[in-house]
Amino acid sequence: MRAKRVAVVVPRLVVSSAFPPIGQVWGDESIKIDAGNYVDVFTETEVKSNGYVPLSSVFSELPLAVLIKGK
């Protein structure tokens, strides 16, 4: 069995953020993650990383994500 890279992404301290904390609410904020193509297991959204990913992409539909790196 081949191991895959997984990233679990959740916001913290969102009380002062707009509700729900999804999409453009995150502005220019980003996370550092290995370059490659990922798929969110909850939304099936594809996320492409060049080393950084905008949180507005990661949290485009839900305020949490489990990203699995593809091939």
N, C-alpha and C. Protein backbone atom coordinates (compact mmCIF):
# COMPACT_ATOMS: atom_id res chain seq x y z
N MET A 1 0.84 -1.18 0.00
CA MET A 1 0.00 0.00 0.00
C MET A 1 0.89 1.24 0.00
N ARG A 2 0.54 2.19 -0.81
CA ARG A 2 1.34 3.40 -0.97
C ARG A 2 0.79 4.50 -0.06
N ALA A 3 1.71 5.14 0.65
CA ALA A 3 1.30 6.23 1.55
C ALA A 3 0.96 7.48 0.75
N LYS A 4 -0.02 8.24 1.23
CA LYS A 4 -0.41 9.50 0.61
C LYS A 4 -0.22 10.60 1.63
N ARG A 5 -0.02 11.80 1.14
CA ARG A 5 0.08 12.96 2.03
C ARG A 5 -1.32 13.50 2.29
N VAL A 6 -1.57 13.79 3.55
CA VAL A 6 -2.86 14.32 3.97
C VAL A 6 -2.62 15.57 4.79
N ALA A 7 -3.43 16.59 4.55
CA ALA A 7 -3.39 17.82 5.34
C ALA A 7 -4.78 18.09 5.87
N VAL A 8 -4.90 18.21 7.18
CA VAL A 8 -6.16 18.59 7.80
C VAL A 8 -6.06 20.07 8.12
N VAL A 9 -6.99 20.86 7.59
CA VAL A 9 -6.93 22.31 7.72
C VAL A 9 -8.21 22.80 8.39
N VAL A 10 -8.05 23.45 9.53
CA VAL A 10 -9.17 24.04 10.25
C VAL A 10 -8.77 25.42 10.75
N PRO A 11 -9.70 26.36 10.74
CA PRO A 11 -9.37 27.68 11.27
C PRO A 11 -9.42 27.68 12.79
N ARG A 12 -8.75 28.64 13.37
CA ARG A 12 -8.87 28.85 14.81
C ARG A 12 -9.08 30.32 15.06
N LEU A 13 -9.67 30.63 16.16
CA LEU A 13 -9.94 32.02 16.55
C LEU A 13 -10.76 32.76 15.50
N VAL A 14 -11.88 32.18 15.10
CA VAL A 14 -12.71 32.79 14.05
C VAL A 14 -13.85 33.64 14.60
N VAL A 15 -13.86 33.88 15.89
CA VAL A 15 -14.94 34.65 16.49
C VAL A 15 -15.04 36.04 15.87
N SER A 16 -13.90 36.66 15.57
CA SER A 16 -13.94 38.01 15.00
C SER A 16 -14.12 38.01 13.48
N SER A 17 -14.14 36.83 12.87
CA SER A 17 -14.31 36.74 11.42
C SER A 17 -15.78 36.82 11.05
N ALA A 18 -16.03 37.04 9.78
CA ALA A 18 -17.41 36.97 9.28
C ALA A 18 -17.90 35.53 9.41
N PHE A 19 -19.20 35.37 9.49
CA PHE A 19 -19.74 34.02 9.62
C PHE A 19 -20.58 33.69 8.40
N PRO A 20 -20.44 32.57 7.79
CA PRO A 20 -19.45 31.55 8.10
C PRO A 20 -18.08 31.95 7.53
N PRO A 21 -16.99 31.46 8.13
CA PRO A 21 -15.65 31.85 7.67
C PRO A 21 -15.22 31.07 6.43
N ILE A 22 -15.86 31.37 5.29
CA ILE A 22 -15.52 30.68 4.04
C ILE A 22 -15.25 31.70 2.94
N GLY A 23 -14.58 31.25 1.89
CA GLY A 23 -14.35 32.05 0.69
C GLY A 23 -13.48 33.27 0.92
N GLN A 24 -13.88 34.39 0.35
CA GLN A 24 -13.08 35.60 0.32
C GLN A 24 -12.90 36.26 1.68
N VAL A 25 -13.59 35.77 2.71
CA VAL A 25 -13.39 36.27 4.07
C VAL A 25 -11.90 36.19 4.44
N TRP A 26 -11.19 35.21 3.88
CA TRP A 26 -9.79 34.97 4.22
C TRP A 26 -8.82 35.89 3.51
N GLY A 27 -9.29 36.67 2.55
CA GLY A 27 -8.42 37.64 1.87
C GLY A 27 -7.17 37.01 1.29
N ASP A 28 -6.00 37.54 1.65
CA ASP A 28 -4.72 37.07 1.11
C ASP A 28 -4.04 36.02 2.00
N GLU A 29 -4.71 35.57 3.05
CA GLU A 29 -4.11 34.59 3.95
C GLU A 29 -3.87 33.28 3.21
N SER A 30 -2.78 32.58 3.55
CA SER A 30 -2.47 31.31 2.90
C SER A 30 -1.80 30.37 3.89
N ILE A 31 -1.70 29.10 3.49
CA ILE A 31 -0.99 28.11 4.28
C ILE A 31 0.14 27.54 3.44
N LYS A 32 1.20 27.13 4.11
CA LYS A 32 2.31 26.48 3.43
C LYS A 32 2.03 24.98 3.40
N ILE A 33 2.11 24.42 2.21
CA ILE A 33 1.83 22.99 2.01
C ILE A 33 2.67 22.53 0.83
N ASP A 34 3.10 21.30 0.84
CA ASP A 34 3.93 20.78 -0.25
C ASP A 34 3.27 21.04 -1.60
N ALA A 35 4.09 21.36 -2.59
CA ALA A 35 3.58 21.59 -3.95
C ALA A 35 2.93 20.32 -4.48
N GLY A 36 1.87 20.50 -5.25
CA GLY A 36 1.18 19.37 -5.85
C GLY A 36 -0.31 19.63 -5.95
N ASN A 37 -1.03 18.62 -6.39
CA ASN A 37 -2.48 18.70 -6.54
C ASN A 37 -3.12 17.93 -5.39
N TYR A 38 -4.12 18.55 -4.77
CA TYR A 38 -4.83 17.96 -3.64
C TYR A 38 -6.32 17.94 -3.94
N VAL A 39 -7.03 17.05 -3.27
CA VAL A 39 -8.49 16.99 -3.36
C VAL A 39 -9.04 17.01 -1.94
N ASP A 40 -10.03 17.85 -1.70
CA ASP A 40 -10.70 17.92 -0.40
C ASP A 40 -11.70 16.76 -0.33
N VAL A 41 -11.57 15.91 0.68
CA VAL A 41 -12.43 14.73 0.77
C VAL A 41 -13.89 15.09 1.04
N PHE A 42 -14.17 16.26 1.62
CA PHE A 42 -15.54 16.64 1.91
C PHE A 42 -16.26 17.23 0.69
N THR A 43 -15.57 18.09 -0.05
CA THR A 43 -16.22 18.81 -1.16
C THR A 43 -15.78 18.34 -2.54
N GLU A 44 -14.74 17.50 -2.59
CA GLU A 44 -14.13 17.05 -3.84
C GLU A 44 -13.56 18.20 -4.67
N THR A 45 -13.31 19.33 -4.00
CA THR A 45 -12.69 20.48 -4.64
C THR A 45 -11.22 20.19 -4.88
N GLU A 46 -10.72 20.49 -6.07
CA GLU A 46 -9.31 20.33 -6.37
C GLU A 46 -8.57 21.60 -5.97
N VAL A 47 -7.47 21.42 -5.27
CA VAL A 47 -6.65 22.53 -4.80
C VAL A 47 -5.24 22.32 -5.32
N LYS A 48 -4.69 23.32 -6.01
CA LYS A 48 -3.33 23.23 -6.54
C LYS A 48 -2.41 24.07 -5.68
N SER A 49 -1.27 23.48 -5.31
CA SER A 49 -0.31 24.18 -4.47
C SER A 49 1.01 24.35 -5.19
N ASN A 50 1.56 25.55 -5.07
CA ASN A 50 2.93 25.79 -5.56
C ASN A 50 3.85 25.96 -4.36
N GLY A 51 3.42 25.47 -3.22
CA GLY A 51 4.12 25.62 -1.96
C GLY A 51 3.27 26.38 -0.96
N TYR A 52 2.35 27.18 -1.47
CA TYR A 52 1.39 27.92 -0.65
C TYR A 52 0.02 27.82 -1.31
N VAL A 53 -1.03 27.80 -0.48
CA VAL A 53 -2.39 27.75 -0.99
C VAL A 53 -3.21 28.82 -0.28
N PRO A 54 -3.94 29.64 -1.03
CA PRO A 54 -4.80 30.63 -0.39
C PRO A 54 -5.91 29.96 0.43
N LEU A 55 -6.14 30.46 1.63
CA LEU A 55 -7.21 29.90 2.45
C LEU A 55 -8.57 30.11 1.82
N SER A 56 -8.71 31.13 0.99
CA SER A 56 -9.99 31.34 0.30
C SER A 56 -10.29 30.17 -0.63
N SER A 57 -9.25 29.49 -1.14
CA SER A 57 -9.45 28.29 -1.97
C SER A 57 -9.73 27.06 -1.11
N VAL A 58 -8.98 26.92 -0.03
CA VAL A 58 -9.14 25.77 0.85
C VAL A 58 -10.51 25.79 1.51
N PHE A 59 -10.93 26.97 1.96
CA PHE A 59 -12.22 27.12 2.64
C PHE A 59 -13.27 27.73 1.70
N SER A 60 -13.28 27.32 0.45
CA SER A 60 -14.22 27.90 -0.52
C SER A 60 -15.67 27.52 -0.24
N GLU A 61 -15.90 26.32 0.32
CA GLU A 61 -17.27 25.87 0.59
C GLU A 61 -17.55 25.57 2.05
N LEU A 62 -16.56 25.09 2.77
CA LEU A 62 -16.70 24.73 4.19
C LEU A 62 -15.54 25.33 4.98
N PRO A 63 -15.73 25.59 6.27
CA PRO A 63 -14.65 26.13 7.07
C PRO A 63 -13.72 25.05 7.65
N LEU A 64 -13.55 23.96 6.91
CA LEU A 64 -12.61 22.90 7.25
C LEU A 64 -12.30 22.13 5.99
N ALA A 65 -11.15 21.46 5.99
CA ALA A 65 -10.78 20.69 4.80
C ALA A 65 -9.86 19.55 5.20
N VAL A 66 -9.99 18.43 4.51
CA VAL A 66 -9.05 17.33 4.59
C VAL A 66 -8.54 17.15 3.17
N LEU A 67 -7.30 17.55 2.95
CA LEU A 67 -6.73 17.54 1.61
C LEU A 67 -5.84 16.30 1.44
N ILE A 68 -6.09 15.56 0.39
CA ILE A 68 -5.28 14.39 0.06
C ILE A 68 -4.53 14.68 -1.23
N LYS A 69 -3.22 14.49 -1.16
CA LYS A 69 -2.38 14.76 -2.33
C LYS A 69 -2.58 13.68 -3.38
N GLY A 70 -2.81 14.12 -4.62
CA GLY A 70 -3.00 13.19 -5.73
C GLY A 70 -1.68 12.76 -6.32
N LYS A 71 -1.73 12.22 -7.53
CA LYS A 71 -0.54 11.73 -8.22
C LYS A 71 0.36 12.84 -8.66
